[in-house]
């Protein structure tokens, strides 16, 4: 037994899951370190490599799917993995994050997965799509929280890319036509620590909790087949812990995804149990420590996401400037069948981004998700408009939003950027991309 060891969590963001793991380690009597931008450094001196903060094992919680350039975060994790043992190694995490790569790995291992097609050519992708039946799932290879996923008719043309992300077609598997649902099984080490059925909200077919999906505890109802399938999937991808998504079809169960950074909120809501203490236990035992299993079980009853004692203080530096966007900005509107570079108007008074109906049809924004009432200054009661998933590229960054569709043919700009996108920017009303840059303003300095 190692009396004194430190468990580090690699996480550049602040999430409930990261905090809960660190607090669980602390409650189990071991030291913790949160590896963040404020406190992490690697130094090479006379051929010796040293990591600061000094830890005995690292729990990898990097959200590669949210990174604009996942390779940078992957490189960081790979470097740290060479210095220190790591749960959910970088390559296993990357395989899991890339949905087609994980599907390939599972199929090669003889595990059941939906039929799928990835083609680098748009012609190949479209000419072979009729094999999937009347409806097909179209998704980006890297995505999260249901973003970058569409259900389409098989006669809708698609592109092999959505923005900068590779996309593919996947068989739609449904067992319950009235309400789409799937099963998430949370595996830590060799243990299934919880499971829930996830039901899609009304008017939606995706079951993600982030989209409003309902959850029901089924931990004690899992068959031996499902337990074995979930454990094998986690092991074949090479992960130490994962949320495994399984769907039932007419011919049995199929593995959809193996999530290396699955959230805890939905599982805790359904089961009243948190996976964090189990992950903490696995890290401690891998590093040579010991824990009391009864104490681990006690801790699962609370999802403790309070500020961890080891959380570094923010750097006392000038904060990174928020990017500036113009009143009129050149953006890229991306859909399932193409993309268009257009001029868009910024409207800080609009909650939701809006796209012209003709432009939406040209780029293929996918099926209508819902009908919502949009308030308008000229119409007090508001107007009902359909909403769709839309990917908008602004200055090299991509935003997946639920945009409303309207006839903007009589307006100057086919796309209106609402606060769902503008919240990430400062708006300079003097700057209009279709009229050039605003004149420079001389700065004056007051001397003492």
Protein backbone atom coordinates (compact mmCIF):
# COMPACT_ATOMS: atom_id res chain seq x y z
CA UNK A 1 0.00 0.00 0.00
CA UNK A 2 1.12 3.52 -0.78
CA UNK A 3 0.30 5.74 2.20
CA UNK A 4 0.72 9.00 0.30
CA UNK A 5 -0.14 9.45 -3.35
CA UNK A 6 -1.64 12.18 -5.47
CA UNK A 7 -4.32 11.73 -8.11
CA UNK A 8 -4.38 14.38 -10.81
CA UNK A 9 -7.29 15.17 -13.12
CA UNK A 10 -6.41 16.63 -16.53
CA UNK A 11 -9.21 19.02 -17.39
CA UNK A 12 -8.88 22.47 -18.97
CA UNK A 13 -12.53 23.25 -18.33
CA UNK A 14 -14.64 23.49 -15.17
CA UNK A 15 -17.24 20.71 -15.09
CA UNK A 16 -19.30 18.89 -12.52
CA UNK A 17 -17.55 15.65 -13.43
CA UNK A 18 -14.02 16.95 -12.87
CA UNK A 19 -14.94 18.49 -9.53
CA UNK A 20 -16.80 15.37 -8.42
CA UNK A 21 -13.81 13.08 -9.15
CA UNK A 22 -11.38 15.34 -7.29
CA UNK A 23 -13.72 15.64 -4.30
CA UNK A 24 -14.19 11.86 -4.22
CA UNK A 25 -10.43 11.27 -4.16
CA UNK A 26 -10.12 13.79 -1.34
CA UNK A 27 -12.95 12.11 0.60
CA UNK A 28 -11.16 8.77 0.22
CA UNK A 29 -8.13 10.23 1.97
CA UNK A 30 -5.69 10.94 -0.86
CA UNK A 31 -4.12 14.09 -2.27
CA UNK A 32 -5.43 15.72 -5.42
CA UNK A 33 -4.22 18.03 -8.16
CA UNK A 34 -6.23 19.69 -10.92
CA UNK A 35 -4.05 19.94 -14.04
CA UNK A 36 -5.11 23.22 -15.64
CA UNK A 37 -3.53 26.04 -17.61
CA UNK A 38 -2.77 27.95 -14.40
CA UNK A 39 -0.52 25.33 -12.80
CA UNK A 40 0.68 22.74 -15.30
CA UNK A 41 4.20 22.68 -16.72
CA UNK A 42 6.66 20.10 -18.03
CA UNK A 43 10.39 20.72 -17.75
CA UNK A 44 13.31 18.85 -19.28
CA UNK A 45 16.60 19.33 -17.41
CA UNK A 46 19.74 17.33 -18.27
CA UNK A 47 17.59 14.67 -19.89
CA UNK A 48 15.25 14.37 -16.90
CA UNK A 49 11.55 15.12 -17.37
CA UNK A 50 9.51 16.61 -14.53
CA UNK A 51 5.77 17.32 -14.40
CA UNK A 52 4.33 20.08 -12.29
CA UNK A 53 2.17 19.47 -10.30
CA UNK A 54 3.74 16.17 -9.24
CA UNK A 55 1.14 13.39 -9.43
CA UNK A 56 1.18 9.59 -9.33
CA UNK A 57 -1.63 9.02 -11.82
CA UNK A 58 -3.76 11.18 -14.12
CA UNK A 59 -7.48 10.88 -14.86
CA UNK A 60 -7.97 12.18 -18.41
CA UNK A 61 -11.05 14.41 -18.71
CA UNK A 62 -10.06 16.41 -21.82
CA UNK A 63 -13.10 17.10 -24.00
CA UNK A 64 -11.51 16.53 -27.39
CA UNK A 65 -14.88 16.71 -29.15
CA UNK A 66 -15.26 20.37 -28.15
CA UNK A 67 -11.79 21.38 -29.31
CA UNK A 68 -11.50 23.31 -32.57
CA UNK A 69 -8.14 21.59 -33.07
CA UNK A 70 -8.35 18.24 -31.20
CA UNK A 71 -4.79 17.36 -32.22
CA UNK A 72 -3.39 20.03 -29.88
CA UNK A 73 -5.19 18.63 -26.84
CA UNK A 74 -4.37 15.11 -27.97
CA UNK A 75 -0.68 16.03 -28.15
CA UNK A 76 -0.81 17.48 -24.63
CA UNK A 77 -2.39 14.32 -23.23
CA UNK A 78 0.06 12.11 -25.13
CA UNK A 79 3.00 13.99 -23.62
CA UNK A 80 1.63 13.62 -20.10
CA UNK A 81 0.82 9.97 -20.70
CA UNK A 82 4.52 9.32 -21.35
CA UNK A 83 5.41 10.88 -18.01
CA UNK A 84 2.74 9.43 -15.76
CA UNK A 85 0.16 6.56 -15.80
CA UNK A 86 -3.18 7.75 -17.17
CA UNK A 87 -6.77 6.51 -17.07
CA UNK A 88 -8.35 6.77 -20.54
CA UNK A 89 -5.15 7.11 -22.52
CA UNK A 90 -5.02 9.66 -25.36
CA UNK A 91 -5.18 7.18 -28.23
CA UNK A 92 -8.07 5.24 -26.69
CA UNK A 93 -9.88 8.52 -26.05
CA UNK A 94 -9.34 9.68 -29.62
CA UNK A 95 -10.60 6.35 -31.00
CA UNK A 96 -13.73 6.69 -28.87
CA UNK A 97 -14.27 10.35 -29.79
CA UNK A 98 -14.14 9.55 -33.51
CA UNK A 99 -17.45 7.73 -33.86
CA UNK A 100 -16.57 5.90 -37.05
CA UNK A 101 -13.16 4.85 -35.71
CA UNK A 102 -14.83 3.40 -32.61
CA UNK A 103 -17.47 1.68 -34.75
CA UNK A 104 -14.71 0.13 -36.85
CA UNK A 105 -12.86 -1.09 -33.75
CA UNK A 106 -16.02 -2.63 -32.28
CA UNK A 107 -16.98 -4.32 -35.56
CA UNK A 108 -13.45 -5.75 -35.93
CA UNK A 109 -13.85 -7.21 -32.43
CA UNK A 110 -17.05 -8.97 -33.48
CA UNK A 111 -19.40 -6.72 -31.51
CA UNK A 112 -22.75 -5.69 -33.05
CA UNK A 113 -22.85 -2.14 -34.46
CA UNK A 114 -25.25 -0.45 -36.92
CA UNK A 115 -24.35 -0.58 -40.61
CA UNK A 116 -22.54 2.62 -41.61
CA UNK A 117 -20.77 4.26 -44.52
CA UNK A 118 -17.98 6.82 -44.56
CA UNK A 119 -16.75 7.98 -47.95
CA UNK A 120 -14.31 10.75 -48.75
CA UNK A 121 -16.16 11.37 -52.02
CA UNK A 122 -19.61 12.94 -52.11
CA UNK A 123 -20.48 10.84 -55.16
CA UNK A 124 -19.66 7.62 -53.34
CA UNK A 125 -21.55 8.69 -50.24
CA UNK A 126 -24.73 9.54 -52.16
CA UNK A 127 -24.74 6.68 -54.69
CA UNK A 128 -24.53 4.07 -51.92
CA UNK A 129 -26.95 5.60 -49.45
CA UNK A 130 -30.10 3.83 -50.68
CA UNK A 131 -28.96 0.66 -48.88
CA UNK A 132 -30.05 2.27 -45.58
CA UNK A 133 -33.80 2.31 -46.29
CA UNK A 134 -36.25 5.22 -46.14
CA UNK A 135 -34.45 7.07 -43.35
CA UNK A 136 -30.80 7.33 -42.37
CA UNK A 137 -28.75 8.89 -39.60
CA UNK A 138 -26.18 11.43 -40.81
CA UNK A 139 -23.61 12.54 -38.27
CA UNK A 140 -20.21 14.13 -37.91
CA UNK A 141 -17.47 11.74 -36.83
CA UNK A 142 -16.63 14.03 -33.89
CA UNK A 143 -19.46 15.65 -31.98
CA UNK A 144 -21.04 15.90 -28.54
CA UNK A 145 -24.41 16.39 -26.79
CA UNK A 146 -26.27 15.37 -29.95
CA UNK A 147 -24.75 18.19 -32.02
CA UNK A 148 -23.85 17.30 -35.59
CA UNK A 149 -26.48 14.53 -35.86
CA UNK A 150 -29.43 14.47 -38.26
CA UNK A 151 -32.14 12.00 -39.30
CA UNK A 152 -32.72 12.33 -43.04
CA UNK A 153 -34.75 10.86 -45.87
CA UNK A 154 -32.46 8.83 -48.09
CA UNK A 155 -33.15 11.04 -51.11
CA UNK A 156 -31.66 14.10 -49.39
CA UNK A 157 -28.14 14.68 -50.83
CA UNK A 158 -25.30 14.88 -48.30
CA UNK A 159 -21.69 15.98 -48.19
CA UNK A 160 -18.77 13.92 -46.85
CA UNK A 161 -17.89 16.94 -44.68
CA UNK A 162 -19.88 19.27 -42.43
CA UNK A 163 -17.61 22.26 -42.16
CA UNK A 164 -14.22 20.93 -41.09
CA UNK A 165 -15.64 17.69 -39.65
CA UNK A 166 -15.82 14.38 -41.51
CA UNK A 167 -19.36 13.00 -41.70
CA UNK A 168 -20.89 9.60 -42.38
CA UNK A 169 -24.16 7.73 -42.81
CA UNK A 170 -25.44 5.21 -40.27
CA UNK A 171 -28.37 2.82 -40.20
CA UNK A 172 -31.32 4.10 -38.18
CA UNK A 173 -32.26 1.51 -35.57
CA UNK A 174 -35.60 1.90 -33.82
CA UNK A 175 -37.50 -0.61 -31.71
CA UNK A 176 -40.17 1.71 -30.31
CA UNK A 177 -41.79 3.85 -33.02
CA UNK A 178 -43.74 5.93 -30.50
CA UNK A 179 -40.79 7.25 -28.46
CA UNK A 180 -37.18 6.78 -29.47
CA UNK A 181 -34.94 5.60 -26.65
CA UNK A 182 -31.59 4.00 -25.99
CA UNK A 183 -29.62 2.62 -23.07
CA UNK A 184 -26.52 4.10 -21.44
CA UNK A 185 -24.39 1.79 -19.32
CA UNK A 186 -21.59 3.35 -17.25
CA UNK A 187 -18.55 1.10 -16.93
CA UNK A 188 -15.61 1.79 -14.60
CA UNK A 189 -12.83 -0.79 -14.68
CA UNK A 190 -14.55 -4.16 -14.67
CA UNK A 191 -17.68 -2.83 -12.95
CA UNK A 192 -21.00 -1.61 -14.30
CA UNK A 193 -21.72 1.20 -11.83
CA UNK A 194 -25.06 2.32 -13.23
CA UNK A 195 -27.39 2.21 -16.23
CA UNK A 196 -30.35 4.21 -17.50
CA UNK A 197 -32.82 4.22 -20.34
CA UNK A 198 -32.83 7.61 -22.11
CA UNK A 199 -36.05 8.72 -23.80
CA UNK A 200 -36.13 11.42 -26.46
CA UNK A 201 -38.23 14.52 -25.65
CA UNK A 202 -41.40 15.19 -27.63
CA UNK A 203 -40.66 16.19 -31.21
CA UNK A 204 -37.07 14.93 -30.98
CA UNK A 205 -35.43 11.61 -31.81
CA UNK A 206 -32.09 12.17 -30.07
CA UNK A 207 -32.02 11.00 -26.45
CA UNK A 208 -29.21 13.18 -25.07
CA UNK A 209 -29.85 14.58 -21.59
CA UNK A 210 -28.40 17.90 -22.81
CA UNK A 211 -31.33 18.07 -25.28
CA UNK A 212 -33.96 17.40 -22.62
CA UNK A 213 -34.10 13.60 -22.75
CA UNK A 214 -35.83 11.79 -19.87
CA UNK A 215 -33.96 9.10 -17.92
CA UNK A 216 -35.04 5.97 -16.01
CA UNK A 217 -32.90 3.75 -13.77
CA UNK A 218 -32.41 0.21 -15.15
CA UNK A 219 -29.21 -0.73 -13.30
CA UNK A 220 -30.77 -3.78 -11.65
CA UNK A 221 -32.57 -4.88 -14.81
CA UNK A 222 -29.58 -5.38 -17.12
CA UNK A 223 -29.26 -8.75 -18.78
CA UNK A 224 -25.97 -10.63 -18.78
CA UNK A 225 -25.80 -9.98 -22.54
CA UNK A 226 -25.89 -6.19 -22.11
CA UNK A 227 -23.42 -6.19 -19.21
CA UNK A 228 -20.96 -8.28 -21.21
CA UNK A 229 -21.46 -6.11 -24.31
CA UNK A 230 -20.80 -2.87 -22.40
CA UNK A 231 -17.68 -4.23 -20.67
CA UNK A 232 -16.28 -5.67 -23.89
CA UNK A 233 -16.90 -2.42 -25.79
CA UNK A 234 -15.03 -0.40 -23.16
CA UNK A 235 -12.17 -2.90 -23.19
CA UNK A 236 -11.92 -3.18 -26.99
CA UNK A 237 -11.65 0.61 -27.37
CA UNK A 238 -8.99 0.57 -24.64
CA UNK A 239 -10.78 2.79 -22.12
CA UNK A 240 -10.70 2.49 -18.35
CA UNK A 241 -14.13 4.08 -17.86
CA UNK A 242 -16.87 5.00 -20.32
CA UNK A 243 -20.55 5.61 -20.92
CA UNK A 244 -21.61 2.94 -23.42
CA UNK A 245 -24.68 3.68 -25.56
CA UNK A 246 -26.73 0.69 -26.73
CA UNK A 247 -29.91 0.61 -28.82
CA UNK A 248 -32.33 -2.26 -29.35
CA UNK A 249 -33.42 -3.14 -32.86
CA UNK A 250 -35.66 -5.82 -34.31
CA UNK A 251 -32.65 -8.15 -34.57
CA UNK A 252 -31.19 -7.49 -31.13
CA UNK A 253 -28.90 -4.95 -29.45
CA UNK A 254 -26.35 -2.71 -31.21
CA UNK A 255 -23.56 -0.56 -29.83
CA UNK A 256 -23.91 3.10 -30.83
CA UNK A 257 -21.06 4.90 -29.05
CA UNK A 258 -18.47 4.51 -26.31
CA UNK A 259 -18.07 7.88 -24.57
CA UNK A 260 -14.77 8.51 -22.71
CA UNK A 261 -16.02 11.70 -21.03
CA UNK A 262 -19.69 10.85 -20.52
CA UNK A 263 -21.47 13.19 -18.17
CA UNK A 264 -22.65 12.20 -14.69
CA UNK A 265 -25.76 14.38 -14.41
CA UNK A 266 -28.20 12.13 -16.24
CA UNK A 267 -27.02 8.96 -14.55
CA UNK A 268 -27.21 10.57 -11.11
CA UNK A 269 -30.70 11.88 -11.85
CA UNK A 270 -31.85 8.41 -12.88
CA UNK A 271 -30.07 6.22 -10.34
CA UNK A 272 -29.14 8.51 -7.46
CA UNK A 273 -25.58 7.23 -7.86
CA UNK A 274 -22.48 9.08 -9.03
CA UNK A 275 -19.71 7.34 -11.01
CA UNK A 276 -17.09 9.75 -9.56
CA UNK A 277 -16.13 7.70 -6.46
CA UNK A 278 -15.70 4.60 -8.62
CA UNK A 279 -13.34 6.47 -10.97
CA UNK A 280 -11.49 7.83 -7.93
CA UNK A 281 -11.16 4.30 -6.55
CA UNK A 282 -9.83 2.97 -9.86
CA UNK A 283 -7.20 5.73 -10.06
CA UNK A 284 -6.10 5.21 -6.44
CA UNK A 285 -5.79 1.44 -6.81
CA UNK A 286 -3.91 1.74 -10.12
CA UNK A 287 -1.41 4.02 -8.37
CA UNK A 288 -0.89 1.49 -5.57
CA UNK A 289 -3.30 2.83 -2.96
CA UNK A 290 -6.16 1.14 -1.13
CA UNK A 291 -9.71 2.25 -0.41
CA UNK A 292 -12.61 1.03 1.65
CA UNK A 293 -15.27 -0.28 -0.81
CA UNK A 294 -18.07 0.56 1.63
CA UNK A 295 -16.87 4.18 1.75
CA UNK A 296 -16.87 4.31 -2.05
CA UNK A 297 -20.46 3.12 -2.09
CA UNK A 298 -21.45 5.71 0.50
CA UNK A 299 -19.90 8.51 -1.55
CA UNK A 300 -21.82 7.55 -4.70
CA UNK A 301 -25.02 8.83 -3.06
CA UNK A 302 -23.82 12.43 -3.50
CA UNK A 303 -22.70 14.16 -6.69
CA UNK A 304 -20.31 16.55 -4.95
CA UNK A 305 -19.42 19.18 -7.54
CA UNK A 306 -18.41 21.88 -5.05
CA UNK A 307 -15.13 23.73 -5.60
CA UNK A 308 -12.29 21.26 -4.93
CA UNK A 309 -9.65 22.26 -2.40
CA UNK A 310 -6.94 21.77 -5.04
CA UNK A 311 -8.50 24.08 -7.64
CA UNK A 312 -5.79 26.58 -8.63
CA UNK A 313 -6.46 30.26 -8.26
CA UNK A 314 -6.98 32.11 -11.54
CA UNK A 315 -3.90 33.70 -13.04
CA UNK A 316 -3.49 37.39 -12.33
CA UNK A 317 -3.06 38.26 -15.97
CA UNK A 318 -4.99 40.25 -18.52
CA UNK A 319 -7.86 37.99 -19.63
CA UNK A 320 -7.98 36.79 -23.22
CA UNK A 321 -9.85 39.29 -25.33
CA UNK A 322 -13.23 38.25 -26.65
CA UNK A 323 -13.20 38.14 -30.47
CA UNK A 324 -14.89 41.05 -32.22
CA UNK A 325 -17.61 40.50 -34.80
CA UNK A 326 -19.05 43.15 -37.10
CA UNK A 327 -22.62 44.37 -37.49
CA UNK A 328 -22.38 42.61 -40.86
CA UNK A 329 -20.02 39.65 -41.01
CA UNK A 330 -19.02 37.11 -43.65
CA UNK A 331 -19.86 33.63 -42.34
CA UNK A 332 -20.18 30.08 -43.63
CA UNK A 333 -23.60 28.39 -43.33
CA UNK A 334 -23.22 24.61 -43.33
CA UNK A 335 -25.80 21.87 -43.75
CA UNK A 336 -26.02 18.21 -44.68
CA UNK A 337 -25.79 18.75 -48.44
CA UNK A 338 -23.47 21.72 -48.78
CA UNK A 339 -22.27 25.05 -47.49
CA UNK A 340 -22.47 28.68 -48.56
CA UNK A 341 -20.41 31.74 -47.69
CA UNK A 342 -22.88 34.58 -47.05
CA UNK A 343 -23.16 37.95 -45.36
CA UNK A 344 -24.94 37.81 -42.01
CA UNK A 345 -26.36 40.58 -39.84
CA UNK A 346 -25.73 40.61 -36.09
CA UNK A 347 -28.83 41.17 -33.94
CA UNK A 348 -28.18 41.23 -30.19
CA UNK A 349 -31.92 41.55 -29.63
CA UNK A 350 -32.62 38.15 -31.18
CA UNK A 351 -32.38 35.09 -28.95
CA UNK A 352 -32.12 32.67 -31.85
CA UNK A 353 -30.20 32.69 -35.13
CA UNK A 354 -32.44 32.81 -38.23
CA UNK A 355 -31.81 31.55 -41.76
CA UNK A 356 -33.57 32.26 -45.05
CA UNK A 357 -35.79 29.39 -46.23
CA UNK A 358 -34.16 29.24 -49.67
CA UNK A 359 -30.64 29.16 -48.22
CA UNK A 360 -31.71 26.46 -45.74
CA UNK A 361 -32.99 24.34 -48.62
CA UNK A 362 -29.81 24.85 -50.67
CA UNK A 363 -27.42 23.70 -47.94
CA UNK A 364 -29.72 21.03 -46.45
CA UNK A 365 -30.39 21.97 -42.84
CA UNK A 366 -32.06 18.64 -42.11
CA UNK A 367 -35.56 17.85 -40.85
CA UNK A 368 -37.65 20.34 -38.89
CA UNK A 369 -37.10 19.79 -35.16
CA UNK A 370 -39.95 21.86 -33.79
CA UNK A 371 -42.29 24.79 -34.37
CA UNK A 372 -41.59 27.72 -32.05
CA UNK A 373 -43.13 31.15 -31.57
CA UNK A 374 -40.70 33.95 -32.35
CA UNK A 375 -41.45 37.35 -30.84
CA UNK A 376 -41.27 40.31 -33.18
CA UNK A 377 -41.37 44.02 -32.56
CA UNK A 378 -43.95 44.44 -35.29
CA UNK A 379 -46.13 41.50 -34.24
CA UNK A 380 -46.92 41.49 -30.52
CA UNK A 381 -48.28 37.95 -30.47
CA UNK A 382 -45.25 36.54 -32.28
CA UNK A 383 -45.01 34.27 -35.30
CA UNK A 384 -44.67 30.49 -35.46
CA UNK A 385 -41.58 29.32 -37.33
CA UNK A 386 -39.93 25.94 -37.86
CA UNK A 387 -36.47 25.40 -36.34
CA UNK A 388 -33.60 23.23 -37.61
CA UNK A 389 -30.04 22.35 -36.70
CA UNK A 390 -27.52 24.66 -38.37
CA UNK A 391 -23.74 24.88 -38.28
CA UNK A 392 -22.35 28.42 -38.70
CA UNK A 393 -18.66 29.14 -39.20
CA UNK A 394 -17.46 32.52 -37.93
CA UNK A 395 -13.79 33.43 -38.26
CA UNK A 396 -12.65 29.81 -38.23
CA UNK A 397 -14.89 28.76 -35.30
CA UNK A 398 -17.96 26.59 -35.76
CA UNK A 399 -21.21 26.96 -33.83
CA UNK A 400 -24.00 24.37 -33.92
CA UNK A 401 -27.30 26.11 -33.14
CA UNK A 402 -31.03 25.53 -33.50
CA UNK A 403 -32.01 28.19 -36.02
CA UNK A 404 -35.44 29.37 -37.10
CA UNK A 405 -36.41 29.38 -40.78
CA UNK A 406 -38.13 32.36 -42.36
CA UNK A 407 -38.54 34.01 -45.73
CA UNK A 408 -35.77 36.61 -45.82
CA UNK A 409 -35.85 37.07 -49.62
CA UNK A 410 -37.01 40.67 -49.15
CA UNK A 411 -34.24 41.39 -46.65
CA UNK A 412 -30.63 42.39 -47.31
CA UNK A 413 -29.04 39.41 -45.54
CA UNK A 414 -30.05 35.73 -45.70
CA UNK A 415 -28.74 34.98 -42.23
CA UNK A 416 -29.32 36.76 -38.92
CA UNK A 417 -26.96 35.96 -36.04
CA UNK A 418 -28.75 35.80 -32.70
CA UNK A 419 -27.42 35.73 -29.14
CA UNK A 420 -26.90 31.95 -29.36
CA UNK A 421 -23.83 32.83 -31.46
CA UNK A 422 -23.15 36.46 -30.51
CA UNK A 423 -22.67 35.51 -26.83
CA UNK A 424 -19.19 34.37 -27.84
CA UNK A 425 -18.24 37.76 -29.36
CA UNK A 426 -18.21 41.51 -28.94
CA UNK A 427 -20.23 43.25 -31.66
CA UNK A 428 -18.68 46.33 -33.31
CA UNK A 429 -21.65 48.06 -34.94
CA UNK A 430 -19.30 50.25 -37.01
CA UNK A 431 -17.82 47.27 -38.82
CA UNK A 432 -19.61 45.93 -41.89
CA UNK A 433 -17.88 43.28 -43.97
CA UNK A 434 -19.76 44.35 -47.09
CA UNK A 435 -18.56 47.95 -46.75
CA UNK A 436 -14.97 47.53 -45.55
CA UNK A 437 -13.36 48.22 -42.18
CA UNK A 438 -14.42 51.24 -40.07
CA UNK A 439 -12.05 54.18 -39.90
CA UNK A 440 -9.38 53.97 -37.22
CA UNK A 441 -9.93 55.99 -34.04
CA UNK A 442 -6.96 57.81 -32.58
CA UNK A 443 -6.19 56.91 -29.00
CA UNK A 444 -5.21 59.57 -26.51
CA UNK A 445 -3.28 59.02 -23.31
CA UNK A 446 -3.78 61.07 -20.14
CA UNK A 447 -0.40 61.79 -18.52
CA UNK A 448 -0.01 62.31 -14.80
